[in-house]
Each structure stands twice: as structure tokens, then as C-alpha cells.
Protein backbone atom coordinates (compact mmCIF):
# COMPACT_ATOMS: atom_id res chain seq x y z
CA LEU A 1 171.47 -36.17 95.74
CA ALA A 2 172.37 -34.32 92.55
CA GLN A 3 175.20 -35.63 90.44
CA ALA A 4 178.49 -34.12 91.58
CA PRO A 5 180.30 -31.65 89.29
CA LEU A 6 182.86 -33.29 87.03
CA PHE A 7 185.72 -31.16 88.39
CA SER A 8 185.17 -32.21 91.99
CA LEU A 9 184.87 -35.90 91.13
CA VAL A 10 188.21 -35.89 89.32
CA PHE A 11 190.19 -33.87 91.85
CA PHE A 12 188.49 -34.89 95.09
CA PRO A 13 187.78 -38.62 94.47
CA ARG A 14 186.58 -40.99 97.15
CA PRO A 15 188.18 -44.33 98.01
CA ALA A 16 185.43 -46.23 96.22
CA THR A 17 186.68 -44.90 92.91
CA ALA A 18 190.10 -46.58 93.20
CA PRO A 19 190.81 -49.37 90.70
CA GLN A 20 190.75 -52.81 92.25
CA PRO A 21 193.22 -55.65 91.58
CA THR A 22 191.90 -58.77 89.91
CA MET A 23 192.68 -62.43 90.50
CA ALA A 24 193.78 -62.73 86.89
CA THR A 25 196.75 -60.41 87.47
CA ALA A 26 200.02 -62.35 87.66
CA GLY A 27 203.12 -61.43 89.65
CA ILE A 28 203.68 -59.64 92.96
CA MET A 29 201.40 -56.65 93.48
CA CYS A 30 202.12 -53.31 95.11
CA THR A 31 198.85 -52.58 96.93
CA SER A 32 199.53 -48.84 96.97
CA CYS A 33 199.98 -48.48 93.20
CA LEU A 34 198.02 -51.56 92.06
CA GLN A 35 200.99 -52.48 89.89
CA THR A 36 202.42 -56.00 89.54
CA PHE A 37 206.08 -57.02 89.39
CA ALA A 38 207.78 -60.21 88.23
CA THR A 39 210.14 -60.58 91.19
CA SER A 40 210.43 -59.43 94.78
CA ALA A 41 213.60 -57.54 93.83
CA ASP A 42 211.62 -55.52 91.29
CA LEU A 43 209.01 -54.78 93.95
CA ARG A 44 211.63 -53.62 96.46
CA ALA A 45 213.14 -51.31 93.85
CA HIS A 46 209.67 -49.95 93.11
CA TYR A 47 209.18 -49.12 96.81
CA GLN A 48 211.99 -46.55 96.52
CA CYS A 49 210.53 -44.56 93.62
CA ALA A 50 208.70 -41.24 94.03
CA TRP A 51 205.56 -42.59 92.34
CA HIS A 52 205.16 -45.31 94.97
CA LEU A 53 205.88 -42.93 97.86
CA ASN A 54 203.21 -40.57 96.55
CA ASN A 55 200.63 -43.36 96.28
CA ALA A 56 201.58 -44.70 99.70
CA LYS A 57 200.73 -41.30 101.19
CA ARG A 58 197.47 -41.22 99.25
CA LYS A 59 196.58 -44.68 100.55
CA MET A 60 197.10 -43.50 104.14
CA GLN A 61 194.62 -40.69 103.41
CA SER A 62 192.08 -43.15 101.91
CA LEU A 63 192.65 -41.70 98.43
CA PRO A 64 192.89 -43.79 95.26
CA PRO A 65 196.26 -44.23 93.51
CA VAL A 66 197.34 -42.13 90.54
CA SER A 67 198.78 -43.73 87.44
CA GLU A 68 202.51 -43.52 86.72
CA ALA A 69 201.82 -41.38 83.64
CA ASP A 70 199.70 -38.87 85.56
CA PHE A 71 202.26 -38.68 88.36
CA ALA A 72 205.05 -38.02 85.82
CA ALA A 73 202.99 -35.22 84.22
CA GLU A 74 202.36 -33.63 87.61
CA GLU A 75 206.05 -33.77 88.52
CA GLN A 76 207.01 -32.25 85.18
CA ALA A 77 204.61 -29.34 85.76
CA ARG A 78 205.98 -28.74 89.26
CA THR A 79 209.55 -28.81 87.98
CA ALA A 80 208.67 -26.22 85.35
CA VAL A 81 207.33 -23.89 88.05
CA GLU A 82 210.49 -24.25 90.13
CA GLU A 83 212.77 -23.71 87.13
CA VAL A 84 211.30 -20.23 86.67
CA THR A 85 212.92 -19.08 89.91
CA LYS A 86 216.47 -20.20 89.05
CA GLY A 87 218.98 -17.38 88.77
CA VAL A 88 216.80 -14.85 90.62
CA GLY A 89 218.11 -15.23 94.14
CA HIS A 90 216.49 -12.13 95.59
CA LEU A 91 213.08 -13.26 94.40
CA LYS A 92 213.61 -16.75 95.80
CA GLN A 93 214.57 -15.29 99.18
CA ARG A 94 211.41 -13.24 99.19
CA ALA A 95 209.35 -16.30 98.18
CA GLU A 96 210.80 -18.30 101.06
CA ALA A 97 210.21 -15.61 103.68
CA PRO A 98 207.60 -16.48 106.37
CA ALA A 99 204.22 -15.01 105.60
CA HIS A 100 202.05 -16.30 108.43
CA ALA A 101 201.75 -13.10 110.43
CA PRO A 102 198.19 -11.74 110.52
CA ALA A 103 199.44 -8.27 109.57
CA ALA A 104 200.87 -9.68 106.32
CA ALA A 105 197.70 -11.59 105.55
CA ALA A 106 195.30 -8.73 106.29
CA VAL A 107 196.09 -6.86 103.08
CA GLU A 108 193.17 -5.38 101.16
CA ARG A 109 194.85 -4.82 97.80
CA LYS A 110 193.38 -6.51 94.71
CA TRP A 111 194.96 -9.62 93.25
CA ALA A 112 196.89 -9.43 90.00
CA PRO A 113 199.04 -12.02 88.17
CA GLY A 114 202.27 -12.48 90.12
CA ARG A 115 200.76 -11.56 93.48
CA GLY A 116 200.01 -13.90 96.36
CA LEU A 117 196.41 -14.64 97.26
CA PHE A 118 196.93 -14.53 101.02
CA ASP A 119 199.60 -11.90 101.76
CA GLY A 120 201.54 -9.01 100.25
CA PHE A 121 203.87 -11.08 98.07
CA GLU A 122 204.76 -9.42 94.75
CA GLY A 123 206.40 -11.73 92.21
CA GLY A 124 207.34 -11.39 88.59
CA SER A 125 205.06 -14.15 87.27
CA VAL A 126 202.16 -16.43 88.12
CA GLU A 127 204.61 -19.32 88.51
CA GLU A 128 206.59 -17.40 91.14
CA SER A 129 203.43 -16.59 93.09
CA LEU A 130 202.33 -20.24 93.02
CA LEU A 131 205.73 -21.34 94.32
CA HIS A 132 205.55 -18.73 97.09
CA MET A 133 202.03 -19.74 98.15
CA LYS A 134 203.03 -23.41 98.28
CA ARG A 135 206.01 -22.65 100.51
CA ALA A 136 204.42 -19.97 102.70
CA GLN A 137 200.81 -21.15 103.09
CA GLY A 138 200.79 -24.71 101.72
CA PHE A 139 198.41 -23.67 98.93
CA GLU A 140 198.37 -25.78 95.76
CA LEU A 141 196.07 -25.85 92.75
CA PRO A 142 194.63 -29.28 91.94
CA ASP A 143 196.40 -31.06 89.07
CA VAL A 144 198.30 -28.14 87.55
CA ALA A 145 199.27 -30.36 84.61
CA LYS A 146 195.66 -30.35 83.39
CA CYS A 147 195.05 -26.61 83.96
CA THR A 148 194.65 -24.69 80.68
CA ASP A 149 194.64 -21.15 82.14
CA LEU A 150 196.42 -20.52 85.45
CA VAL A 151 195.61 -16.80 85.46
CA ALA A 152 191.89 -17.42 84.99
CA VAL A 153 191.82 -20.05 87.76
CA LEU A 154 193.63 -17.76 90.22
CA ARG A 155 191.36 -14.84 89.32
CA VAL A 156 188.26 -16.92 90.08
CA ILE A 157 189.75 -17.87 93.45
CA ALA A 158 190.78 -14.27 94.17
CA ASP A 159 187.24 -13.06 93.45
CA ARG A 160 185.90 -15.48 96.06
CA ILE A 161 188.22 -13.85 98.61
CA GLU A 162 187.96 -10.20 97.55
CA GLN A 163 184.30 -9.90 96.62
CA GLU A 164 181.46 -9.95 99.14
CA PRO A 165 180.69 -11.97 101.17
CA HIS A 166 184.49 -12.64 101.35
CA SER A 167 184.33 -16.44 101.75
CA CYS A 168 186.96 -18.82 103.12
CA LEU A 169 188.06 -21.19 100.35
CA PHE A 170 188.05 -24.20 102.67
CA CYS A 171 185.24 -23.89 105.25
CA GLY A 172 182.99 -21.33 103.53
CA ASN A 173 182.79 -18.93 106.51
CA THR A 174 182.21 -15.32 105.43
CA PHE A 175 183.88 -12.13 106.70
CA ASN A 176 183.44 -8.37 106.51
CA THR A 177 186.61 -7.70 104.52
CA ALA A 178 189.10 -9.47 102.26
CA GLY A 179 191.81 -8.84 104.85
CA ALA A 180 189.78 -10.58 107.53
CA VAL A 181 189.17 -13.72 105.46
CA ARG A 182 192.85 -13.82 104.46
CA SER A 183 193.90 -13.69 108.12
CA HIS A 184 191.41 -16.45 108.92
CA MET A 185 192.71 -18.73 106.15
CA VAL A 186 196.36 -18.24 107.12
CA ASN A 187 195.81 -18.65 110.87
CA LYS A 188 193.47 -21.66 110.56
CA ASN A 189 195.46 -23.41 107.83
CA HIS A 190 192.49 -22.93 105.49
CA ALA A 191 194.57 -21.59 102.57
CA ARG A 192 193.40 -24.50 100.40
CA LEU A 193 190.44 -25.48 98.29
CA GLY A 194 187.59 -27.33 99.98
CA ALA A 195 185.83 -30.19 98.23
CA TYR A 196 182.30 -29.07 99.04
CA ASP A 197 182.06 -25.59 97.49
CA GLU A 198 180.14 -26.58 94.37
CA ASP A 199 179.89 -23.01 93.03
CA LEU A 200 183.66 -22.52 93.16
CA LEU A 201 184.42 -25.94 91.68
CA ASP A 202 181.93 -25.33 88.86
CA ALA A 203 183.61 -21.98 88.13
CA LEU A 204 187.06 -23.63 87.94
CA GLU A 205 186.04 -26.59 85.78
CA PRO A 206 186.11 -24.77 82.38
CA PHE A 207 189.81 -24.03 82.86
CA TYR A 208 190.82 -27.70 83.13
CA ASP A 209 191.29 -30.19 80.32
CA ILE A 210 189.98 -33.43 81.83
CA PRO A 211 190.39 -36.58 79.71
CA GLU A 212 187.15 -38.40 79.10
CA GLU A 213 188.46 -41.61 80.63
CA GLU A 214 188.88 -39.83 83.97
CA ILE A 215 185.25 -38.80 84.20
CA LEU A 216 183.69 -40.67 87.09
CA ALA A 217 180.13 -41.04 85.84
CA GLY A 218 177.24 -41.84 88.11
CA GLU A 219 178.94 -40.79 91.34
CA ASP A 220 177.25 -38.49 93.85
CA ARG A 221 178.99 -36.01 96.11
CA PRO A 222 178.73 -36.81 99.83
CA ASP A 223 176.34 -34.68 101.85
CA SER A 224 177.73 -31.19 102.38
CA PRO A 225 179.34 -30.55 105.76
CA ASN A 226 178.11 -28.08 108.35
CA VAL A 227 179.98 -25.19 109.93
CA VAL A 228 179.42 -25.27 113.71
CA ASP A 229 180.98 -22.62 115.96
CA GLY A 230 183.38 -21.70 113.18
CA LYS A 231 184.55 -25.30 112.70
CA LEU A 232 183.97 -27.42 109.60
CA VAL A 233 182.12 -30.62 110.47
CA LEU A 234 182.34 -33.30 107.79
CA PRO A 235 179.41 -35.62 106.93
CA ASP A 236 180.86 -38.40 109.11
CA GLY A 237 180.94 -36.11 112.15
CA ARG A 238 184.69 -35.41 112.16
CA GLU A 239 185.98 -31.86 112.50
CA ALA A 240 188.24 -30.77 109.65
CA ALA A 241 191.67 -29.47 110.56
């Protein structure tokens, strides 16, 4: 297998990449965060923090933990996006409105900064559109804190939807029109990036500032999944949701 693109290795890591505890580490260890604590009271307090809860969810999904610093940077970026909407109640109401109806998703208009990728949402900024897409379709960009150009990233993704062959971001199925693929992604909960579209991940990589220490050298991407009867079948035989 060819070496996996850097972008996909950083943002779609496999369990084998998680750091492992060592016998030399002293104290009581949180197995979700791989962090040690001097007392059981300190560990119990740690269990209540957002960083631990995030890593606990990642552990349940067989994903490696994120460091406390990286989690703090991600939370800061998300807070900045939400702050943009303060004081603009009518825009927030529009962002929170349901957008799952096929008629709303089947729009053919071209994407522009401030617009949603999957429906007819018209916001005043890229940050507002990202907040809307997270609430309405569950769409999130990987590691926004490391993204250097949000507009460029969203334009690359929009081109995948709007230009032939109008491909689903998650399963790769193609459709006759942009409206058709948008309806498919909304109805099938495919309004998210898949980990196996190497061309798309390669196109997004230049717009991320990835620290050298996070490069996972020597790793190979798992075999690409197959699409059978319109369903994404992963390499281990499971059907993706």
C-alpha cells in the first residue's frame, strides 16, 4: 500500500497511533487521557473536566486521545465561532432552523462564503455558516484550530459537491446534479468528510498547518472501502452509518 497522505493520518488516526503508558510512570493513571495523578481525589476531579469527557468518547470510538493543549486550542476555536453570532438574534434563529427537508437540500445555487454547503442557508460570514451546518447537518471541519484558510477549505469541498460527477463527501457515490447529492448527504447523514477520499484529503492538506511532531510517519492507510448497493462497506466488512 502507498503511504497515506499526511492530512488523513493526522485527522483520521487509527488506534495503533495512540501513545501508550509506560511502567516508569508514577501515580494513578487515567486510561482515557494517559495522564497520571498523585491522588485518587485528583483523578476524580479530572474525570469531571471537558478534556477527559472528550477523550472518553474518543476511547469508546477506538480513537487515540488528544493532548490537553490541543483540546484547549480546539475549544478556543469553537468558542470564537459561536461568539460571532452573539447579538444577532434573527441570524441565530435562522441558523437553528431545521434544514433536513429534501426540498431545502436540493438547491442548485453555487456556494459562496457565508452560505451553507447542504441547503439554502445564507449567513453573514463563514463562521455563521459553519455554526449552522454543525447544528443543522452535524457537519464539522477537522481540527479548525489548525486550518489556515477556512474559505479555501470550504470552496474545495463545495467544488466536490457542485462539479461533476457531484460526489458524496462521505461514501463517494456520484449523482446527476448538485441538488441530488445534497439531498443524499442530508437524508443519509453523509454530510461529513470520509476518511478514504484521498483526492479530497490531498486537496485540503495545503490549508492546514500541521506541526511536525504530529506527522505519523511510516503509517499506511487501510484498504479503501467498497460501495455496495449504495452502502459504504468498510475494510473490516462493517457497513458505515
